[in-house]
PDB file of N, CA and C in Angstrom:
ATOM      1  N   MET A   1       0.835  -1.179   0.000  1.00  0.00           N
ATOM      2  CA  MET A   1       0.000   0.000   0.000  1.00  0.00           C
ATOM      3  C   MET A   1       0.882   1.246   0.000  1.00  0.00           C
ATOM      4  N   LEU A   2       0.447   2.279  -0.660  1.00  0.00           N
ATOM      5  CA  LEU A   2       1.217   3.508  -0.727  1.00  0.00           C
ATOM      6  C   LEU A   2       1.071   4.303   0.560  1.00  0.00           C
ATOM      7  N   ASN A   3       2.154   4.893   0.966  1.00  0.00           N
ATOM      8  CA  ASN A   3       2.113   5.753   2.146  1.00  0.00           C
ATOM      9  C   ASN A   3       1.971   7.192   1.681  1.00  0.00           C
ATOM     10  N   SER A   4       0.821   7.775   1.882  1.00  0.00           N
ATOM     11  CA  SER A   4       0.580   9.159   1.508  1.00  0.00           C
ATOM     12  C   SER A   4       0.770  10.046   2.721  1.00  0.00           C
ATOM     13  N   LYS A   5       1.315  11.215   2.476  1.00  0.00           N
ATOM     14  CA  LYS A   5       1.474  12.168   3.561  1.00  0.00           C
ATOM     15  C   LYS A   5       0.103  12.769   3.876  1.00  0.00           C
ATOM     16  N   VAL A   6      -0.209  12.873   5.138  1.00  0.00           N
ATOM     17  CA  VAL A   6      -1.491  13.430   5.571  1.00  0.00           C
ATOM     18  C   VAL A   6      -1.227  14.812   6.155  1.00  0.00           C
ATOM     19  N   TYR A   7      -1.972  15.789   5.666  1.00  0.00           N
ATOM     20  CA  TYR A   7      -1.833  17.168   6.124  1.00  0.00           C
ATOM     21  C   TYR A   7      -2.985  17.506   7.062  1.00  0.00           C
ATOM     22  N   ILE A   8      -2.679  18.148   8.162  1.00  0.00           N
ATOM     23  CA  ILE A   8      -3.695  18.664   9.081  1.00  0.00           C
ATOM     24  C   ILE A   8      -3.894  20.124   8.691  1.00  0.00           C
ATOM     25  N   LYS A   9      -5.110  20.454   8.254  1.00  0.00           N
ATOM     26  CA  LYS A   9      -5.375  21.793   7.742  1.00  0.00           C
ATOM     27  C   LYS A   9      -6.594  22.391   8.424  1.00  0.00           C
ATOM     28  N   LYS A  10      -6.777  23.704   8.240  1.00  0.00           N
ATOM     29  CA  LYS A  10      -7.923  24.416   8.787  1.00  0.00           C
ATOM     30  C   LYS A  10      -8.740  24.965   7.615  1.00  0.00           C
ATOM     31  N   CYS A  11     -10.019  24.685   7.603  1.00  0.00           N
ATOM     32  CA  CYS A  11     -10.915  25.112   6.527  1.00  0.00           C
ATOM     33  C   CYS A  11     -11.008  26.642   6.501  1.00  0.00           C
ATOM     34  N   ILE A  12     -10.885  27.227   5.300  1.00  0.00           N
ATOM     35  CA  ILE A  12     -10.935  28.686   5.197  1.00  0.00           C
ATOM     36  C   ILE A  12     -12.360  29.232   5.286  1.00  0.00           C
ATOM     37  N   ILE A  13     -13.359  28.371   5.222  1.00  0.00           N
ATOM     38  CA  ILE A  13     -14.751  28.812   5.304  1.00  0.00           C
ATOM     39  C   ILE A  13     -15.295  28.665   6.725  1.00  0.00           C
ATOM     40  N   CYS A  14     -15.248  27.453   7.268  1.00  0.00           N
ATOM     41  CA  CYS A  14     -15.868  27.211   8.579  1.00  0.00           C
ATOM     42  C   CYS A  14     -14.858  27.190   9.729  1.00  0.00           C
ATOM     43  N   GLY A  15     -13.572  27.071   9.429  1.00  0.00           N
ATOM     44  CA  GLY A  15     -12.552  27.073  10.471  1.00  0.00           C
ATOM     45  C   GLY A  15     -12.308  25.716  11.110  1.00  0.00           C
ATOM     46  N   LYS A  16     -13.002  24.688  10.647  1.00  0.00           N
ATOM     47  CA  LYS A  16     -12.855  23.346  11.202  1.00  0.00           C
ATOM     48  C   LYS A  16     -11.502  22.756  10.797  1.00  0.00           C
ATOM     49  N   THR A  17     -10.882  21.992  11.688  1.00  0.00           N
ATOM     50  CA  THR A  17      -9.637  21.296  11.386  1.00  0.00           C
ATOM     51  C   THR A  17      -9.976  19.973  10.713  1.00  0.00           C
ATOM     52  N   TYR A  18      -9.224  19.636   9.646  1.00  0.00           N
ATOM     53  CA  TYR A  18      -9.479  18.404   8.906  1.00  0.00           C
ATOM     54  C   TYR A  18      -8.170  17.825   8.383  1.00  0.00           C
ATOM     55  N   GLU A  19      -8.213  16.563   7.980  1.00  0.00           N
ATOM     56  CA  GLU A  19      -7.051  15.892   7.406  1.00  0.00           C
ATOM     57  C   GLU A  19      -7.226  15.820   5.898  1.00  0.00           C
ATOM     58  N   SER A  20      -6.123  16.012   5.178  1.00  0.00           N
ATOM     59  CA  SER A  20      -6.164  15.965   3.723  1.00  0.00           C
ATOM     60  C   SER A  20      -4.891  15.325   3.199  1.00  0.00           C
ATOM     61  N   ILE A  21      -5.001  14.622   2.079  1.00  0.00           N
ATOM     62  CA  ILE A  21      -3.799  14.084   1.448  1.00  0.00           C
ATOM     63  C   ILE A  21      -3.274  15.053   0.392  1.00  0.00           C
ATOM     64  N   SER A  22      -4.000  16.142   0.158  1.00  0.00           N
ATOM     65  CA  SER A  22      -3.586  17.160  -0.799  1.00  0.00           C
ATOM     66  C   SER A  22      -3.100  18.401  -0.054  1.00  0.00           C
ATOM     67  N   ALA A  23      -1.924  18.875  -0.414  1.00  0.00           N
ATOM     68  CA  ALA A  23      -1.390  20.081   0.211  1.00  0.00           C
ATOM     69  C   ALA A  23      -2.129  21.327  -0.274  1.00  0.00           C
ATOM     70  N   ARG A  24      -2.820  21.221  -1.400  1.00  0.00           N
ATOM     71  CA  ARG A  24      -3.495  22.371  -2.000  1.00  0.00           C
ATOM     72  C   ARG A  24      -4.933  22.549  -1.529  1.00  0.00           C
ATOM     73  N   ALA A  25      -5.468  21.625  -0.771  1.00  0.00           N
ATOM     74  CA  ALA A  25      -6.861  21.698  -0.322  1.00  0.00           C
ATOM     75  C   ALA A  25      -7.072  22.919   0.564  1.00  0.00           C
ATOM     76  N   LEU A  26      -8.182  23.607   0.352  1.00  0.00           N
ATOM     77  CA  LEU A  26      -8.495  24.799   1.133  1.00  0.00           C
ATOM     78  C   LEU A  26      -9.704  24.613   2.038  1.00  0.00           C
ATOM     79  N   THR A  27     -10.581  23.676   1.668  1.00  0.00           N
ATOM     80  CA  THR A  27     -11.823  23.497   2.415  1.00  0.00           C
ATOM     81  C   THR A  27     -11.964  22.065   2.909  1.00  0.00           C
ATOM     82  N   CYS A  28     -12.815  21.891   3.912  1.00  0.00           N
ATOM     83  CA  CYS A  28     -12.958  20.587   4.559  1.00  0.00           C
ATOM     84  C   CYS A  28     -13.871  19.629   3.803  1.00  0.00           C
ATOM     85  N   GLY A  29     -14.745  20.126   2.960  1.00  0.00           N
ATOM     86  CA  GLY A  29     -15.669  19.237   2.256  1.00  0.00           C
ATOM     87  C   GLY A  29     -16.426  19.962   1.164  1.00  0.00           C
ATOM     88  N   LYS A  30     -17.367  19.271   0.572  1.00  0.00           N
ATOM     89  CA  LYS A  30     -18.103  19.805  -0.566  1.00  0.00           C
ATOM     90  C   LYS A  30     -18.943  21.049  -0.234  1.00  0.00           C
ATOM     91  N   PRO A  31     -19.674  21.088   0.886  1.00  0.00           N
ATOM     92  CA  PRO A  31     -20.456  22.299   1.182  1.00  0.00           C
ATOM     93  C   PRO A  31     -19.581  23.548   1.325  1.00  0.00           C
ATOM     94  N   CYS A  32     -18.456  23.402   2.001  1.00  0.00           N
ATOM     95  CA  CYS A  32     -17.553  24.546   2.167  1.00  0.00           C
ATOM     96  C   CYS A  32     -16.891  24.911   0.836  1.00  0.00           C
ATOM     97  N   ARG A  33     -16.579  23.907   0.018  1.00  0.00           N
ATOM     98  CA  ARG A  33     -15.983  24.165  -1.293  1.00  0.00           C
ATOM     99  C   ARG A  33     -16.968  24.937  -2.173  1.00  0.00           C
ATOM    100  N   ASN A  34     -18.248  24.544  -2.122  1.00  0.00           N
ATOM    101  CA  ASN A  34     -19.266  25.266  -2.891  1.00  0.00           C
ATOM    102  C   ASN A  34     -19.392  26.709  -2.419  1.00  0.00           C
ATOM    103  N   GLU A  35     -19.365  26.925  -1.112  1.00  0.00           N
ATOM    104  CA  GLU A  35     -19.442  28.280  -0.559  1.00  0.00           C
ATOM    105  C   GLU A  35     -18.221  29.104  -0.966  1.00  0.00           C
ATOM    106  N   TYR A  36     -17.048  28.486  -0.961  1.00  0.00           N
ATOM    107  CA  TYR A  36     -15.813  29.163  -1.374  1.00  0.00           C
ATOM    108  C   TYR A  36     -15.933  29.644  -2.821  1.00  0.00           C
ATOM    109  N   HIS A  37     -16.407  28.777  -3.714  1.00  0.00           N
ATOM    110  CA  HIS A  37     -16.555  29.155  -5.119  1.00  0.00           C
ATOM    111  C   HIS A  37     -17.654  30.203  -5.304  1.00  0.00           C
ATOM    112  N   ARG A  38     -18.718  30.118  -4.517  1.00  0.00           N
ATOM    113  CA  ARG A  38     -19.788  31.117  -4.579  1.00  0.00           C
ATOM    114  C   ARG A  38     -19.245  32.497  -4.218  1.00  0.00           C
ATOM    115  N   ARG A  39     -18.440  32.569  -3.159  1.00  0.00           N
ATOM    116  CA  ARG A  39     -17.845  33.844  -2.741  1.00  0.00           C
ATOM    117  C   ARG A  39     -16.869  34.367  -3.790  1.00  0.00           C
ATOM    118  N   LYS A  40     -16.073  33.465  -4.338  1.00  0.00           N
ATOM    119  CA  LYS A  40     -15.083  33.846  -5.344  1.00  0.00           C
ATOM    120  C   LYS A  40     -15.772  34.386  -6.605  1.00  0.00           C
ATOM    121  N   ASP A  41     -16.841  33.735  -7.047  1.00  0.00           N
ATOM    122  CA  ASP A  41     -17.585  34.192  -8.215  1.00  0.00           C
ATOM    123  C   ASP A  41     -18.251  35.540  -7.956  1.00  0.00           C
ATOM    124  N   ARG A  42     -18.797  35.720  -6.764  1.00  0.00           N
ATOM    125  CA  ARG A  42     -19.437  36.982  -6.406  1.00  0.00           C
ATOM    126  C   ARG A  42     -18.413  38.113  -6.453  1.00  0.00           C
ATOM    127  N   GLU A  43     -17.208  37.844  -5.971  1.00  0.00           N
ATOM    128  CA  GLU A  43     -16.142  38.843  -5.978  1.00  0.00           C
ATOM    129  C   GLU A  43     -15.744  39.199  -7.413  1.00  0.00           C
ATOM    130  N   LYS A  44     -15.661  38.204  -8.283  1.00  0.00           N
ATOM    131  CA  LYS A  44     -15.316  38.464  -9.686  1.00  0.00           C
ATOM    132  C   LYS A  44     -16.363  39.346 -10.352  1.00  0.00           C
ATOM    133  N   ARG A  45     -17.630  39.063 -10.088  1.00  0.00           N
ATOM    134  CA  ARG A  45     -18.703  39.841 -10.705  1.00  0.00           C
ATOM    135  C   ARG A  45     -18.713  41.279 -10.221  1.00  0.00           C
ATOM    136  N   SER A  46     -18.344  41.524  -8.972  1.00  0.00           N
ATOM    137  CA  SER A  46     -18.383  42.879  -8.442  1.00  0.00           C
ATOM    138  C   SER A  46     -17.281  43.749  -9.029  1.00  0.00           C
ATOM    139  N   VAL A  47     -16.206  43.155  -9.524  1.00  0.00           N
ATOM    140  CA  VAL A  47     -15.094  43.917 -10.094  1.00  0.00           C
ATOM    141  C   VAL A  47     -15.442  44.463 -11.469  1.00  0.00           C
ATOM    142  N   LYS A  48     -16.282  43.781 -12.213  1.00  0.00           N
ATOM    143  CA  LYS A  48     -16.614  44.184 -13.576  1.00  0.00           C
ATOM    144  C   LYS A  48     -17.550  45.389 -13.555  1.00  0.00           C
ATOM    145  N   THR A  49     -16.999  46.580 -13.593  1.00  0.00           N
ATOM    146  CA  THR A  49     -17.818  47.785 -13.545  1.00  0.00           C
ATOM    147  C   THR A  49     -18.131  48.321 -14.931  1.00  0.00           C
ATOM    148  N   CYS A  50     -17.287  48.081 -15.899  1.00  0.00           N
ATOM    149  CA  CYS A  50     -17.477  48.661 -17.233  1.00  0.00           C
ATOM    150  C   CYS A  50     -18.698  48.100 -17.943  1.00  0.00           C
ATOM    151  N   ARG A  51     -18.977  46.839 -17.803  1.00  0.00           N
ATOM    152  CA  ARG A  51     -20.060  46.215 -18.561  1.00  0.00           C
ATOM    153  C   ARG A  51     -21.439  46.732 -18.145  1.00  0.00           C
ATOM    154  N   ASN A  52     -21.581  47.150 -16.907  1.00  0.00           N
ATOM    155  CA  ASN A  52     -22.887  47.588 -16.426  1.00  0.00           C
ATOM    156  C   ASN A  52     -23.001  49.108 -16.344  1.00  0.00           C
ATOM    157  N   SER A  53     -21.949  49.824 -16.683  1.00  0.00           N
ATOM    158  CA  SER A  53     -21.951  51.274 -16.588  1.00  0.00           C
ATOM    159  C   SER A  53     -22.300  51.895 -17.935  1.00  0.00           C
ATOM    160  N   THR A  54     -22.766  53.126 -17.883  1.00  0.00           N
ATOM    161  CA  THR A  54     -23.018  53.840 -19.126  1.00  0.00           C
ATOM    162  C   THR A  54     -21.695  54.338 -19.681  1.00  0.00           C
ATOM    163  N   LEU A  55     -21.684  54.682 -20.941  1.00  0.00           N
ATOM    164  CA  LEU A  55     -20.474  55.153 -21.600  1.00  0.00           C
ATOM    165  C   LEU A  55     -19.936  56.408 -20.924  1.00  0.00           C
ATOM    166  N   ASP A  56     -20.831  57.319 -20.536  1.00  0.00           N
ATOM    167  CA  ASP A  56     -20.399  58.554 -19.880  1.00  0.00           C
ATOM    168  C   ASP A  56     -19.708  58.276 -18.549  1.00  0.00           C
ATOM    169  N   ASP A  57     -20.243  57.312 -17.783  1.00  0.00           N
ATOM    170  CA  ASP A  57     -19.628  56.969 -16.498  1.00  0.00           C
ATOM    171  C   ASP A  57     -18.234  56.394 -16.688  1.00  0.00           C
ATOM    172  N   VAL A  58     -18.096  55.507 -17.666  1.00  0.00           N
ATOM    173  CA  VAL A  58     -16.797  54.885 -17.918  1.00  0.00           C
ATOM    174  C   VAL A  58     -15.806  55.928 -18.408  1.00  0.00           C
ATOM    175  N   LEU A  59     -16.246  56.821 -19.288  1.00  0.00           N
ATOM    176  CA  LEU A  59     -15.374  57.871 -19.803  1.00  0.00           C
ATOM    177  C   LEU A  59     -14.917  58.802 -18.678  1.00  0.00           C
ATOM    178  N   ARG A  60     -15.830  59.126 -17.763  1.00  0.00           N
ATOM    179  CA  ARG A  60     -15.481  59.981 -16.623  1.00  0.00           C
ATOM    180  C   ARG A  60     -14.444  59.299 -15.735  1.00  0.00           C
ATOM    181  N   LYS A  61     -14.642  57.997 -15.468  1.00  0.00           N
ATOM    182  CA  LYS A  61     -13.688  57.251 -14.647  1.00  0.00           C
ATOM    183  C   LYS A  61     -12.323  57.173 -15.326  1.00  0.00           C
ATOM    184  N   ALA A  62     -12.328  57.027 -16.649  1.00  0.00           N
ATOM    185  CA  ALA A  62     -11.065  56.967 -17.392  1.00  0.00           C
ATOM    186  C   ALA A  62     -10.323  58.291 -17.287  1.00  0.00           C
ATOM    187  N   ARG A  63     -11.033  59.387 -17.435  1.00  0.00           N
ATOM    188  CA  ARG A  63     -10.400  60.711 -17.333  1.00  0.00           C
ATOM    189  C   ARG A  63      -9.866  60.956 -15.921  1.00  0.00           C
ATOM    190  N   GLU A  64     -10.611  60.524 -14.903  1.00  0.00           N
ATOM    191  CA  GLU A  64     -10.145  60.669 -13.521  1.00  0.00           C
ATOM    192  C   GLU A  64      -8.870  59.872 -13.279  1.00  0.00           C
ATOM    193  N   ALA A  65      -8.754  58.729 -13.963  1.00  0.00           N
ATOM    194  CA  ALA A  65      -7.563  57.892 -13.824  1.00  0.00           C
ATOM    195  C   ALA A  65      -6.432  58.373 -14.726  1.00  0.00           C
ATOM    196  N   GLY A  66      -6.704  59.381 -15.570  1.00  0.00           N
ATOM    197  CA  GLY A  66      -5.677  59.912 -16.456  1.00  0.00           C
ATOM    198  C   GLY A  66      -5.384  59.008 -17.637  1.00  0.00           C
ATOM    199  N   MET A  67      -6.392  58.255 -18.092  1.00  0.00           N
ATOM    200  CA  MET A  67      -6.203  57.320 -19.204  1.00  0.00           C
ATOM    201  C   MET A  67      -7.214  57.607 -20.302  1.00  0.00           C
ATOM    202  N   SER A  68      -6.928  57.054 -21.476  1.00  0.00           N
ATOM    203  CA  SER A  68      -7.918  57.091 -22.551  1.00  0.00           C
ATOM    204  C   SER A  68      -8.990  56.050 -22.235  1.00  0.00           C
ATOM    205  N   TYR A  69     -10.107  56.146 -22.951  1.00  0.00           N
ATOM    206  CA  TYR A  69     -11.197  55.194 -22.737  1.00  0.00           C
ATOM    207  C   TYR A  69     -10.733  53.761 -22.990  1.00  0.00           C
ATOM    208  N   GLY A  70     -10.071  53.541 -24.111  1.00  0.00           N
ATOM    209  CA  GLY A  70      -9.632  52.189 -24.477  1.00  0.00           C
ATOM    210  C   GLY A  70      -8.658  51.597 -23.479  1.00  0.00           C
ATOM    211  N   LYS A  71      -7.705  52.411 -23.042  1.00  0.00           N
ATOM    212  CA  LYS A  71      -6.712  51.922 -22.082  1.00  0.00           C
ATOM    213  C   LYS A  71      -7.382  51.590 -20.745  1.00  0.00           C
ATOM    214  N   TYR A  72      -8.338  52.427 -20.326  1.00  0.00           N
ATOM    215  CA  TYR A  72      -9.034  52.193 -19.066  1.00  0.00           C
ATOM    216  C   TYR A  72      -9.840  50.899 -19.112  1.00  0.00           C
ATOM    217  N   VAL A  73     -10.585  50.683 -20.191  1.00  0.00           N
ATOM    218  CA  VAL A  73     -11.399  49.473 -20.322  1.00  0.00           C
ATOM    219  C   VAL A  73     -10.505  48.236 -20.351  1.00  0.00           C
ATOM    220  N   ALA A  74      -9.387  48.311 -21.080  1.00  0.00           N
ATOM    221  CA  ALA A  74      -8.464  47.173 -21.142  1.00  0.00           C
ATOM    222  C   ALA A  74      -7.888  46.873 -19.766  1.00  0.00           C
ATOM    223  N   THR A  75      -7.555  47.901 -19.013  1.00  0.00           N
ATOM    224  CA  THR A  75      -7.004  47.712 -17.667  1.00  0.00           C
ATOM    225  C   THR A  75      -8.035  47.082 -16.741  1.00  0.00           C
ATOM    226  N   VAL A  76      -9.263  47.563 -16.777  1.00  0.00           N
ATOM    227  CA  VAL A  76     -10.316  47.030 -15.911  1.00  0.00           C
ATOM    228  C   VAL A  76     -10.611  45.575 -16.262  1.00  0.00           C
ATOM    229  N   GLU A  77     -10.648  45.246 -17.545  1.00  0.00           N
ATOM    230  CA  GLU A  77     -10.925  43.865 -17.948  1.00  0.00           C
ATOM    231  C   GLU A  77      -9.781  42.938 -17.581  1.00  0.00           C
ATOM    232  N   ARG A  78      -8.545  43.427 -17.648  1.00  0.00           N
ATOM    233  CA  ARG A  78      -7.393  42.604 -17.260  1.00  0.00           C
ATOM    234  C   ARG A  78      -7.432  42.330 -15.759  1.00  0.00           C
ATOM    235  N   ILE A  79      -7.816  43.322 -14.971  1.00  0.00           N
ATOM    236  CA  ILE A  79      -7.917  43.143 -13.516  1.00  0.00           C
ATOM    237  C   ILE A  79      -9.039  42.160 -13.186  1.00  0.00           C
ATOM    238  N   ALA A  80     -10.131  42.196 -13.960  1.00  0.00           N
ATOM    239  CA  ALA A  80     -11.277  41.324 -13.698  1.00  0.00           C
ATOM    240  C   ALA A  80     -10.948  39.860 -13.936  1.00  0.00           C
ATOM    241  N   LYS A  81      -9.978  39.573 -14.763  1.00  0.00           N
ATOM    242  CA  LYS A  81      -9.618  38.173 -15.041  1.00  0.00           C
ATOM    243  C   LYS A  81      -8.770  37.663 -13.980  1.00  0.00           C
TER     244      LYS A  81
END
């Protein structure tokens, strides 16, 4: 039988201590993993301001940042990814 290293980790969602054979695991189980992805997706959606803004709002934000419209939109989309 293979001897796998067991990691004692703390769940980033609920704080429960758990054992894992993966060093990359962040959550203790499926419910916490689903919540983690839900939070991550919500955060991604909140960053995308250009798609839901009017052209005038985006242009004003670009001028405040000292950029052209195209450069500002490209920067915001790169940050959103």
